C-alpha cells in the first residue's frame, strides 16, 4: 500500500538532527520521498514539519514564519553562539530593569540585519559554514536581512543573567545570532541557553506528534499525516469545474479565468501562488496568474500527463 501524501508535524527531541528525523520516518513509513521543511539544530527541540510523498513539492508554498521560545545567557560568548560551544570570552552583565532591557530589544524588532553563526548551514563558496568552522578555517559571513515580527520579553533573571524571550520571525533567522548580538549591545557577552520552536510553516504544537507515536502504532500511522491541501489554507483557491479544464491543467496548458473571481477576496495578490482543486476538493497543483490576469498558468501539476 502506498503511503498517503501530506505532512507529519514532528515534535523533535534534543540531540536528534533534522536529517535523523527524516531517516527514521523513511524507515517507519517504508517510503523514500520524505523531506523536512527547514533545519532545526540538534540541541533545539520542538516543531519540525516533515513532508511525505508529493507534499515535498509544496514545501516552498507553506507559510514561512516561525515562532520560538528561548533563553539567552548573558556573560558568556562561545564559538557556536550557544551554550554547547567552546567558551571564548566571559564578562559581567549590567543591572537593568525589565523596561530598560525591553528597550534594548527594540534593536531586534522589525527588519534587521544579522551575521549568521560561524557554525551554521549557510553556504560559503559552495560549502556549509559549519564544515569550514570544524576545520578551524578563517572566513567571514555576510550580514543577512531577516524580519522579526514579534519579540516579547517573558522573563529577566537578573541574578543569573538569563533572558527568556518569545520571538516570531521569518525563515532564516538565527536566534543564536540575536543572543550574541544582544550580549554585545549590553556591553557584555551572550549565547543561546535553550530554544524551543513552537510553530513553523503554519503548524504548531497542537498538530505535533513524537516519532515514538509512529513507532507505537505503525498500522495507523497514515491517520497522523495531515493532507497537503490542509497546509495551503493561507493561499487563494481556484476550482476547475469541467473535464476540459482538468485536461488542460494536467497537460500543462493555461486556464482562462475571470479576475472578479479573486478580487472579491481583498487580500488577494495576483503575484502570489494559487492552489488549484477540482469539485471534489482534490488538490491538483499550484498556478500563477499571468500579467494580464486572464489566465492561470500551471507551475506545479500533480498527475501531469
C-alpha atoms as a PDB file:
ATOM      1  CA  UNK A   1       0.000   0.000   0.000  1.00  0.00           C
ATOM      2  CA  UNK A   2       1.325   3.446  -0.930  1.00  0.00           C
ATOM      3  CA  UNK A   3       1.899   5.963   1.855  1.00  0.00           C
ATOM      4  CA  UNK A   4      -0.510   8.901   1.897  1.00  0.00           C
ATOM      5  CA  UNK A   5       0.917  12.262   0.804  1.00  0.00           C
ATOM      6  CA  UNK A   6       0.958  15.107   3.305  1.00  0.00           C
ATOM      7  CA  UNK A   7       2.759  16.390   6.388  1.00  0.00           C
ATOM      8  CA  UNK A   8       3.825  14.884   9.687  1.00  0.00           C
ATOM      9  CA  UNK A   9       4.461  17.547  12.329  1.00  0.00           C
ATOM     10  CA  UNK A  10       7.210  16.084  14.476  1.00  0.00           C
ATOM     11  CA  UNK A  11       7.878  17.411  17.973  1.00  0.00           C
ATOM     12  CA  UNK A  12      11.627  16.865  17.853  1.00  0.00           C
ATOM     13  CA  UNK A  13      13.625  15.812  20.888  1.00  0.00           C
ATOM     14  CA  UNK A  14      17.020  17.194  21.891  1.00  0.00           C
ATOM     15  CA  UNK A  15      20.041  15.551  20.295  1.00  0.00           C
ATOM     16  CA  UNK A  16      18.266  14.461  17.120  1.00  0.00           C
ATOM     17  CA  UNK A  17      19.190  16.165  13.834  1.00  0.00           C
ATOM     18  CA  UNK A  18      16.579  17.085  11.223  1.00  0.00           C
ATOM     19  CA  UNK A  19      18.183  14.534   8.888  1.00  0.00           C
ATOM     20  CA  UNK A  20      17.909  11.857  11.606  1.00  0.00           C
ATOM     21  CA  UNK A  21      14.153  12.513  11.779  1.00  0.00           C
ATOM     22  CA  UNK A  22      13.806  12.171   8.006  1.00  0.00           C
ATOM     23  CA  UNK A  23      15.754   8.889   8.017  1.00  0.00           C
ATOM     24  CA  UNK A  24      13.613   7.446  10.814  1.00  0.00           C
ATOM     25  CA  UNK A  25      10.361   8.379   9.074  1.00  0.00           C
ATOM     26  CA  UNK A  26      11.543   6.927   5.750  1.00  0.00           C
ATOM     27  CA  UNK A  27      12.158   3.648   7.557  1.00  0.00           C
ATOM     28  CA  UNK A  28       8.942   3.685   9.607  1.00  0.00           C
ATOM     29  CA  UNK A  29       6.698   4.508   6.640  1.00  0.00           C
ATOM     30  CA  UNK A  30       8.741   2.485   4.156  1.00  0.00           C
ATOM     31  CA  UNK A  31       8.854   5.368   1.693  1.00  0.00           C
ATOM     32  CA  UNK A  32      11.791   7.230   0.120  1.00  0.00           C
ATOM     33  CA  UNK A  33      10.111  10.534  -0.679  1.00  0.00           C
ATOM     34  CA  UNK A  34      10.460  12.342   2.662  1.00  0.00           C
ATOM     35  CA  UNK A  35      11.862  15.815   3.368  1.00  0.00           C
ATOM     36  CA  UNK A  36      11.917  18.367   6.183  1.00  0.00           C
ATOM     37  CA  UNK A  37      10.802  21.976   5.823  1.00  0.00           C
ATOM     38  CA  UNK A  38      13.893  23.582   7.341  1.00  0.00           C
ATOM     39  CA  UNK A  39      16.756  22.518   9.578  1.00  0.00           C
ATOM     40  CA  UNK A  40      16.301  22.538  13.341  1.00  0.00           C
ATOM     41  CA  UNK A  41      19.604  22.383  15.259  1.00  0.00           C
ATOM     42  CA  UNK A  42      20.210  19.131  17.180  1.00  0.00           C
ATOM     43  CA  UNK A  43      20.068  20.899  20.563  1.00  0.00           C
ATOM     44  CA  UNK A  44      16.827  22.710  19.703  1.00  0.00           C
ATOM     45  CA  UNK A  45      13.541  20.979  20.497  1.00  0.00           C
ATOM     46  CA  UNK A  46      10.088  21.483  19.024  1.00  0.00           C
ATOM     47  CA  UNK A  47       8.220  21.661  15.753  1.00  0.00           C
ATOM     48  CA  UNK A  48       9.748  20.082  12.640  1.00  0.00           C
ATOM     49  CA  UNK A  49       7.212  19.620   9.801  1.00  0.00           C
ATOM     50  CA  UNK A  50       8.103  16.651   7.585  1.00  0.00           C
ATOM     51  CA  UNK A  51       6.733  16.324   4.025  1.00  0.00           C
ATOM     52  CA  UNK A  52       5.703  12.895   2.722  1.00  0.00           C
ATOM     53  CA  UNK A  53       5.385  11.927  -0.950  1.00  0.00           C
ATOM     54  CA  UNK A  54       4.207  14.669  -3.321  1.00  0.00           C
ATOM     55  CA  UNK A  55       3.926  17.080  -0.348  1.00  0.00           C
ATOM     56  CA  UNK A  56       7.706  17.583  -0.724  1.00  0.00           C
ATOM     57  CA  UNK A  57       6.921  19.605  -3.866  1.00  0.00           C
ATOM     58  CA  UNK A  58       4.748  22.038  -1.879  1.00  0.00           C
ATOM     59  CA  UNK A  59       7.243  22.950   0.866  1.00  0.00           C
ATOM     60  CA  UNK A  60       8.097  26.286  -0.791  1.00  0.00           C
ATOM     61  CA  UNK A  61       4.401  27.283  -0.745  1.00  0.00           C
ATOM     62  CA  UNK A  62       3.931  26.845   3.023  1.00  0.00           C
ATOM     63  CA  UNK A  63       3.816  29.906   5.308  1.00  0.00           C
ATOM     64  CA  UNK A  64       7.416  30.814   6.109  1.00  0.00           C
ATOM     65  CA  UNK A  65       7.036  32.293   9.620  1.00  0.00           C
ATOM     66  CA  UNK A  66       8.363  30.539  12.730  1.00  0.00           C
ATOM     67  CA  UNK A  67       7.891  31.082  16.460  1.00  0.00           C
ATOM     68  CA  UNK A  68      10.349  30.239  19.236  1.00  0.00           C
ATOM     69  CA  UNK A  69      10.647  30.457  22.996  1.00  0.00           C
ATOM     70  CA  UNK A  70      14.267  30.789  24.034  1.00  0.00           C
ATOM     71  CA  UNK A  71      16.617  31.618  26.866  1.00  0.00           C
ATOM     72  CA  UNK A  72      19.689  33.817  26.428  1.00  0.00           C
ATOM     73  CA  UNK A  73      22.589  33.541  28.890  1.00  0.00           C
ATOM     74  CA  UNK A  74      24.476  36.782  29.336  1.00  0.00           C
ATOM     75  CA  UNK A  75      28.124  36.939  30.344  1.00  0.00           C
ATOM     76  CA  UNK A  76      29.321  34.117  28.074  1.00  0.00           C
ATOM     77  CA  UNK A  77      30.405  34.041  24.436  1.00  0.00           C
ATOM     78  CA  UNK A  78      31.101  30.782  22.624  1.00  0.00           C
ATOM     79  CA  UNK A  79      32.411  29.809  19.199  1.00  0.00           C
ATOM     80  CA  UNK A  80      28.955  28.450  18.258  1.00  0.00           C
ATOM     81  CA  UNK A  81      26.907  31.298  19.815  1.00  0.00           C
ATOM     82  CA  UNK A  82      25.111  28.760  22.016  1.00  0.00           C
ATOM     83  CA  UNK A  83      25.915  27.227  25.413  1.00  0.00           C
ATOM     84  CA  UNK A  84      27.162  23.993  23.815  1.00  0.00           C
ATOM     85  CA  UNK A  85      30.193  25.607  22.181  1.00  0.00           C
ATOM     86  CA  UNK A  86      33.665  26.404  23.433  1.00  0.00           C
ATOM     87  CA  UNK A  87      33.728  29.468  25.707  1.00  0.00           C
ATOM     88  CA  UNK A  88      35.854  32.195  24.107  1.00  0.00           C
ATOM     89  CA  UNK A  89      35.061  35.106  26.465  1.00  0.00           C
ATOM     90  CA  UNK A  90      33.292  35.884  29.725  1.00  0.00           C
ATOM     91  CA  UNK A  91      32.120  39.233  31.059  1.00  0.00           C
ATOM     92  CA  UNK A  92      29.743  40.607  33.693  1.00  0.00           C
ATOM     93  CA  UNK A  93      26.269  41.746  32.681  1.00  0.00           C
ATOM     94  CA  UNK A  94      24.529  45.024  33.531  1.00  0.00           C
ATOM     95  CA  UNK A  95      21.960  45.536  36.268  1.00  0.00           C
ATOM     96  CA  UNK A  96      18.979  46.933  34.385  1.00  0.00           C
ATOM     97  CA  UNK A  97      15.215  46.943  34.757  1.00  0.00           C
ATOM     98  CA  UNK A  98      12.786  44.900  32.665  1.00  0.00           C
ATOM     99  CA  UNK A  99      11.680  48.142  30.992  1.00  0.00           C
ATOM    100  CA  UNK A 100      15.229  49.127  30.041  1.00  0.00           C
ATOM    101  CA  UNK A 101      16.005  45.627  28.751  1.00  0.00           C
ATOM    102  CA  UNK A 102      12.845  45.719  26.638  1.00  0.00           C
ATOM    103  CA  UNK A 103      14.052  48.994  25.111  1.00  0.00           C
ATOM    104  CA  UNK A 104      17.299  47.282  24.073  1.00  0.00           C
ATOM    105  CA  UNK A 105      15.230  44.536  22.441  1.00  0.00           C
ATOM    106  CA  UNK A 106      13.773  47.212  20.124  1.00  0.00           C
ATOM    107  CA  UNK A 107      17.046  46.923  18.186  1.00  0.00           C
ATOM    108  CA  UNK A 108      15.899  43.454  17.115  1.00  0.00           C
ATOM    109  CA  UNK A 109      12.290  44.233  16.183  1.00  0.00           C
ATOM    110  CA  UNK A 110      11.205  44.692  12.574  1.00  0.00           C
ATOM    111  CA  UNK A 111      13.569  44.202   9.626  1.00  0.00           C
ATOM    112  CA  UNK A 112      17.145  43.761  10.849  1.00  0.00           C
ATOM    113  CA  UNK A 113      20.484  42.558   9.522  1.00  0.00           C
ATOM    114  CA  UNK A 114      22.342  39.777  11.303  1.00  0.00           C
ATOM    115  CA  UNK A 115      25.525  37.822  10.688  1.00  0.00           C
ATOM    116  CA  UNK A 116      24.781  34.083  10.936  1.00  0.00           C
ATOM    117  CA  UNK A 117      26.795  31.999  13.420  1.00  0.00           C
ATOM    118  CA  UNK A 118      30.025  30.506  12.050  1.00  0.00           C
ATOM    119  CA  UNK A 119      28.607  27.094  12.956  1.00  0.00           C
ATOM    120  CA  UNK A 120      25.542  27.289  10.691  1.00  0.00           C
ATOM    121  CA  UNK A 121      24.229  25.725   7.493  1.00  0.00           C
ATOM    122  CA  UNK A 122      24.827  28.889   5.435  1.00  0.00           C
ATOM    123  CA  UNK A 123      26.742  28.211   2.203  1.00  0.00           C
ATOM    124  CA  UNK A 124      30.226  29.689   1.800  1.00  0.00           C
ATOM    125  CA  UNK A 125      31.717  29.095  -1.655  1.00  0.00           C
ATOM    126  CA  UNK A 126      29.537  26.038  -2.139  1.00  0.00           C
ATOM    127  CA  UNK A 127      30.199  24.537   1.298  1.00  0.00           C
ATOM    128  CA  UNK A 128      28.295  24.723   4.602  1.00  0.00           C
ATOM    129  CA  UNK A 129      29.825  27.202   7.077  1.00  0.00           C
ATOM    130  CA  UNK A 130      29.856  24.684   9.927  1.00  0.00           C
ATOM    131  CA  UNK A 131      32.132  22.353   7.929  1.00  0.00           C
ATOM    132  CA  UNK A 132      34.664  25.156   7.462  1.00  0.00           C
ATOM    133  CA  UNK A 133      34.333  26.032  11.129  1.00  0.00           C
ATOM    134  CA  UNK A 134      35.041  22.430  12.184  1.00  0.00           C
ATOM    135  CA  UNK A 135      38.319  22.629  10.223  1.00  0.00           C
ATOM    136  CA  UNK A 136      39.142  25.915  12.019  1.00  0.00           C
ATOM    137  CA  UNK A 137      39.203  27.797   8.712  1.00  0.00           C
ATOM    138  CA  UNK A 138      39.155  31.594   8.828  1.00  0.00           C
ATOM    139  CA  UNK A 139      36.199  33.048   6.907  1.00  0.00           C
ATOM    140  CA  UNK A 140      33.599  35.802   7.139  1.00  0.00           C
ATOM    141  CA  UNK A 141      29.840  35.618   6.675  1.00  0.00           C
ATOM    142  CA  UNK A 142      27.903  38.499   5.141  1.00  0.00           C
ATOM    143  CA  UNK A 143      25.023  40.092   7.071  1.00  0.00           C
ATOM    144  CA  UNK A 144      21.571  38.849   6.092  1.00  0.00           C
ATOM    145  CA  UNK A 145      18.260  40.666   6.264  1.00  0.00           C
ATOM    146  CA  UNK A 146      15.600  38.971   8.388  1.00  0.00           C
ATOM    147  CA  UNK A 147      12.270  40.082   9.803  1.00  0.00           C
ATOM    148  CA  UNK A 148      11.319  39.903  13.471  1.00  0.00           C
ATOM    149  CA  UNK A 149       7.531  40.206  13.544  1.00  0.00           C
ATOM    150  CA  UNK A 150       7.181  39.932  17.323  1.00  0.00           C
ATOM    151  CA  UNK A 151       9.706  39.883  20.159  1.00  0.00           C
ATOM    152  CA  UNK A 152       8.374  39.602  23.703  1.00  0.00           C
ATOM    153  CA  UNK A 153      10.406  39.750  26.898  1.00  0.00           C
ATOM    154  CA  UNK A 154       8.902  36.972  29.011  1.00  0.00           C
ATOM    155  CA  UNK A 155      11.310  36.923  31.957  1.00  0.00           C
ATOM    156  CA  UNK A 156      14.518  38.649  33.092  1.00  0.00           C
ATOM    157  CA  UNK A 157      16.526  36.750  35.712  1.00  0.00           C
ATOM    158  CA  UNK A 158      18.925  39.498  36.802  1.00  0.00           C
ATOM    159  CA  UNK A 159      20.804  37.313  39.306  1.00  0.00           C
ATOM    160  CA  UNK A 160      21.719  34.576  36.819  1.00  0.00           C
ATOM    161  CA  UNK A 161      21.813  36.775  33.725  1.00  0.00           C
ATOM    162  CA  UNK A 162      19.157  34.773  31.875  1.00  0.00           C
ATOM    163  CA  UNK A 163      16.659  36.406  29.499  1.00  0.00           C
ATOM    164  CA  UNK A 164      13.611  34.473  28.307  1.00  0.00           C
ATOM    165  CA  UNK A 165      12.014  35.663  25.064  1.00  0.00           C
ATOM    166  CA  UNK A 166       9.274  34.688  22.660  1.00  0.00           C
ATOM    167  CA  UNK A 167      10.086  35.508  19.062  1.00  0.00           C
ATOM    168  CA  UNK A 168       8.078  35.298  15.847  1.00  0.00           C
ATOM    169  CA  UNK A 169      10.330  35.660  12.838  1.00  0.00           C
ATOM    170  CA  UNK A 170      10.967  34.998   9.166  1.00  0.00           C
ATOM    171  CA  UNK A 171      12.675  31.877   7.874  1.00  0.00           C
ATOM    172  CA  UNK A 172      16.462  32.156   8.013  1.00  0.00           C
ATOM    173  CA  UNK A 173      16.557  33.987  11.356  1.00  0.00           C
ATOM    174  CA  UNK A 174      19.232  32.766  13.769  1.00  0.00           C
ATOM    175  CA  UNK A 175      18.201  33.137  17.416  1.00  0.00           C
ATOM    176  CA  UNK A 176      21.804  32.325  18.369  1.00  0.00           C
ATOM    177  CA  UNK A 177      22.889  35.440  16.481  1.00  0.00           C
ATOM    178  CA  UNK A 178      20.351  37.535  18.406  1.00  0.00           C
ATOM    179  CA  UNK A 179      21.731  36.127  21.699  1.00  0.00           C
ATOM    180  CA  UNK A 180      25.299  37.003  20.657  1.00  0.00           C
ATOM    181  CA  UNK A 181      24.406  40.495  19.409  1.00  0.00           C
ATOM    182  CA  UNK A 182      22.229  41.345  22.423  1.00  0.00           C
ATOM    183  CA  UNK A 183      25.128  40.496  24.716  1.00  0.00           C
ATOM    184  CA  UNK A 184      27.341  42.871  22.749  1.00  0.00           C
ATOM    185  CA  UNK A 185      24.766  45.684  22.806  1.00  0.00           C
ATOM    186  CA  UNK A 186      24.521  45.304  26.600  1.00  0.00           C
ATOM    187  CA  UNK A 187      28.320  45.672  26.844  1.00  0.00           C
ATOM    188  CA  UNK A 188      28.534  42.050  27.918  1.00  0.00           C
ATOM    189  CA  UNK A 189      28.530  38.747  26.074  1.00  0.00           C
ATOM    190  CA  UNK A 190      25.633  36.460  25.178  1.00  0.00           C
ATOM    191  CA  UNK A 191      24.845  32.981  23.953  1.00  0.00           C
ATOM    192  CA  UNK A 192      21.737  30.884  23.472  1.00  0.00           C
ATOM    193  CA  UNK A 193      20.988  28.728  26.515  1.00  0.00           C
ATOM    194  CA  UNK A 194      17.803  26.911  25.440  1.00  0.00           C
ATOM    195  CA  UNK A 195      15.474  27.044  22.437  1.00  0.00           C
ATOM    196  CA  UNK A 196      12.138  25.525  21.566  1.00  0.00           C
ATOM    197  CA  UNK A 197      10.276  26.051  18.278  1.00  0.00           C
ATOM    198  CA  UNK A 198       6.547  26.199  18.949  1.00  0.00           C
ATOM    199  CA  UNK A 199       5.325  26.841  15.403  1.00  0.00           C
ATOM    200  CA  UNK A 200       6.681  26.550  11.864  1.00  0.00           C
ATOM    201  CA  UNK A 201       5.251  26.699   8.324  1.00  0.00           C
ATOM    202  CA  UNK A 202       1.682  27.096   9.612  1.00  0.00           C
ATOM    203  CA  UNK A 203       1.900  24.136  12.012  1.00  0.00           C
ATOM    204  CA  UNK A 204       2.024  24.306  15.804  1.00  0.00           C
ATOM    205  CA  UNK A 205       2.308  22.100  18.882  1.00  0.00           C
ATOM    206  CA  UNK A 206      -1.374  21.112  18.711  1.00  0.00           C
ATOM    207  CA  UNK A 207      -0.670  19.376  15.353  1.00  0.00           C
ATOM    208  CA  UNK A 208       2.501  17.682  16.558  1.00  0.00           C
ATOM    209  CA  UNK A 209       3.493  14.117  17.391  1.00  0.00           C
ATOM    210  CA  UNK A 210       6.611  12.334  18.597  1.00  0.00           C
ATOM    211  CA  UNK A 211       8.387   9.850  16.342  1.00  0.00           C
ATOM    212  CA  UNK A 212       7.723   7.313  19.107  1.00  0.00           C
ATOM    213  CA  UNK A 213       3.968   7.763  18.436  1.00  0.00           C
ATOM    214  CA  UNK A 214       4.508   6.416  14.906  1.00  0.00           C
ATOM    215  CA  UNK A 215       6.644   3.569  16.200  1.00  0.00           C
ATOM    216  CA  UNK A 216       3.950   2.528  18.672  1.00  0.00           C
ATOM    217  CA  UNK A 217       1.164   2.370  16.085  1.00  0.00           C
ATOM    218  CA  UNK A 218       2.616   1.825  12.601  1.00  0.00           C
ATOM    219  CA  UNK A 219      -0.636   0.374  11.266  1.00  0.00           C
ATOM    220  CA  UNK A 220      -2.486   3.642  11.866  1.00  0.00           C
ATOM    221  CA  UNK A 221       0.404   5.965  11.038  1.00  0.00           C
ATOM    222  CA  UNK A 222      -1.432   7.245   7.941  1.00  0.00           C
ATOM    223  CA  UNK A 223      -4.057   8.807  10.225  1.00  0.00           C
ATOM    224  CA  UNK A 224      -1.313  11.077  11.617  1.00  0.00           C
ATOM    225  CA  UNK A 225      -0.483  12.551   8.195  1.00  0.00           C
ATOM    226  CA  UNK A 226      -2.039  15.980   7.553  1.00  0.00           C
ATOM    227  CA  UNK A 227      -3.273  16.244   3.920  1.00  0.00           C
ATOM    228  CA  UNK A 228      -1.258  18.650   1.781  1.00  0.00           C
ATOM    229  CA  UNK A 229      -4.308  20.748   0.931  1.00  0.00           C
ATOM    230  CA  UNK A 230      -4.879  21.460   4.647  1.00  0.00           C
ATOM    231  CA  UNK A 231      -1.461  23.099   4.811  1.00  0.00           C
ATOM    232  CA  UNK A 232      -2.349  25.524   1.996  1.00  0.00           C
ATOM    233  CA  UNK A 233      -5.308  27.318   3.575  1.00  0.00           C
ATOM    234  CA  UNK A 234      -3.355  30.595   3.533  1.00  0.00           C
ATOM    235  CA  UNK A 235      -3.338  30.889  -0.290  1.00  0.00           C
ATOM    236  CA  UNK A 236      -6.140  31.579  -2.753  1.00  0.00           C
ATOM    237  CA  UNK A 237      -8.089  28.733  -4.367  1.00  0.00           C
ATOM    238  CA  UNK A 238      -9.330  28.186  -7.897  1.00  0.00           C
ATOM    239  CA  UNK A 239     -11.756  25.359  -8.717  1.00  0.00           C
ATOM    240  CA  UNK A 240     -11.692  23.542 -12.060  1.00  0.00           C
ATOM    241  CA  UNK A 241     -15.314  22.644 -12.815  1.00  0.00           C
ATOM    242  CA  UNK A 242     -15.109  20.792 -16.139  1.00  0.00           C
ATOM    243  CA  UNK A 243     -13.244  17.798 -17.527  1.00  0.00           C
ATOM    244  CA  UNK A 244     -11.898  20.023 -20.279  1.00  0.00           C
ATOM    245  CA  UNK A 245     -10.315  22.357 -17.698  1.00  0.00           C
ATOM    246  CA  UNK A 246      -8.808  19.414 -15.817  1.00  0.00           C
ATOM    247  CA  UNK A 247      -7.427  18.000 -19.069  1.00  0.00           C
ATOM    248  CA  UNK A 248      -5.902  21.386 -19.917  1.00  0.00           C
ATOM    249  CA  UNK A 249      -4.375  21.588 -16.440  1.00  0.00           C
ATOM    250  CA  UNK A 250      -2.909  18.082 -16.452  1.00  0.00           C
ATOM    251  CA  UNK A 251      -1.344  18.668 -19.853  1.00  0.00           C
ATOM    252  CA  UNK A 252       0.287  21.907 -18.688  1.00  0.00           C
ATOM    253  CA  UNK A 253      -1.938  24.386 -20.505  1.00  0.00           C
ATOM    254  CA  UNK A 254      -3.204  27.718 -19.169  1.00  0.00           C
ATOM    255  CA  UNK A 255      -6.736  28.008 -17.781  1.00  0.00           C
ATOM    256  CA  UNK A 256      -8.836  31.081 -18.607  1.00  0.00           C
ATOM    257  CA  UNK A 257     -10.164  32.909 -15.528  1.00  0.00           C
ATOM    258  CA  UNK A 258     -12.415  35.797 -14.608  1.00  0.00           C
ATOM    259  CA  UNK A 259     -10.348  38.072 -12.355  1.00  0.00           C
ATOM    260  CA  UNK A 260     -13.520  39.038 -10.448  1.00  0.00           C
ATOM    261  CA  UNK A 261     -13.440  35.504  -9.044  1.00  0.00           C
ATOM    262  CA  UNK A 262     -10.408  36.558  -6.979  1.00  0.00           C
ATOM    263  CA  UNK A 263     -10.988  40.263  -6.451  1.00  0.00           C
ATOM    264  CA  UNK A 264     -13.832  39.553  -4.022  1.00  0.00           C
ATOM    265  CA  UNK A 265     -11.054  38.487  -1.678  1.00  0.00           C
ATOM    266  CA  UNK A 266      -9.419  41.754  -0.579  1.00  0.00           C
ATOM    267  CA  UNK A 267      -6.188  40.035   0.476  1.00  0.00           C
ATOM    268  CA  UNK A 268      -5.658  38.505  -2.968  1.00  0.00           C
ATOM    269  CA  UNK A 269      -2.344  39.281  -4.645  1.00  0.00           C
ATOM    270  CA  UNK A 270      -2.122  38.198  -8.302  1.00  0.00           C
ATOM    271  CA  UNK A 271       1.649  37.682  -7.949  1.00  0.00           C
ATOM    272  CA  UNK A 272       1.161  35.021  -5.288  1.00  0.00           C
ATOM    273  CA  UNK A 273       0.566  31.289  -5.824  1.00  0.00           C
ATOM    274  CA  UNK A 274      -2.945  29.890  -6.267  1.00  0.00           C
ATOM    275  CA  UNK A 275      -3.899  26.348  -5.314  1.00  0.00           C
ATOM    276  CA  UNK A 276      -5.942  24.617  -7.968  1.00  0.00           C
ATOM    277  CA  UNK A 277      -8.528  21.988  -6.958  1.00  0.00           C
ATOM    278  CA  UNK A 278     -11.446  20.105  -8.518  1.00  0.00           C
ATOM    279  CA  UNK A 279     -15.111  19.992  -7.424  1.00  0.00           C
ATOM    280  CA  UNK A 280     -14.306  17.152  -5.007  1.00  0.00           C
ATOM    281  CA  UNK A 281     -11.744  19.354  -3.226  1.00  0.00           C
ATOM    282  CA  UNK A 282      -8.866  17.270  -4.612  1.00  0.00           C
ATOM    283  CA  UNK A 283      -5.602  19.211  -4.862  1.00  0.00           C
ATOM    284  CA  UNK A 284      -4.419  19.420  -8.487  1.00  0.00           C
ATOM    285  CA  UNK A 285      -1.440  21.726  -8.108  1.00  0.00           C
ATOM    286  CA  UNK A 286      -0.218  25.328  -7.951  1.00  0.00           C
ATOM    287  CA  UNK A 287      -0.608  28.031 -10.576  1.00  0.00           C
ATOM    288  CA  UNK A 288       0.064  31.741 -11.052  1.00  0.00           C
ATOM    289  CA  UNK A 289      -1.952  34.409 -12.845  1.00  0.00           C
ATOM    290  CA  UNK A 290      -0.356  35.921 -15.931  1.00  0.00           C
ATOM    291  CA  UNK A 291       0.320  39.671 -16.005  1.00  0.00           C
ATOM    292  CA  UNK A 292      -2.924  40.332 -17.904  1.00  0.00           C
ATOM    293  CA  UNK A 293      -4.762  38.419 -15.118  1.00  0.00           C
ATOM    294  CA  UNK A 294      -6.667  36.465 -17.763  1.00  0.00           C
ATOM    295  CA  UNK A 295      -5.121  33.005 -17.326  1.00  0.00           C
ATOM    296  CA  UNK A 296      -3.769  30.752 -14.595  1.00  0.00           C
ATOM    297  CA  UNK A 297      -0.502  29.237 -15.772  1.00  0.00           C
ATOM    298  CA  UNK A 298       0.400  25.854 -14.261  1.00  0.00           C
ATOM    299  CA  UNK A 299       3.516  25.868 -12.076  1.00  0.00           C
ATOM    300  CA  UNK A 300       3.188  22.586 -10.168  1.00  0.00           C
ATOM    301  CA  UNK A 301       0.905  19.915 -11.642  1.00  0.00           C
ATOM    302  CA  UNK A 302       0.015  16.709  -9.818  1.00  0.00           C
ATOM    303  CA  UNK A 303      -0.731  13.714 -12.042  1.00  0.00           C
ATOM    304  CA  UNK A 304       0.588  15.526 -15.119  1.00  0.00           C
ATOM    305  CA  UNK A 305       0.006  13.813 -18.471  1.00  0.00           C
END
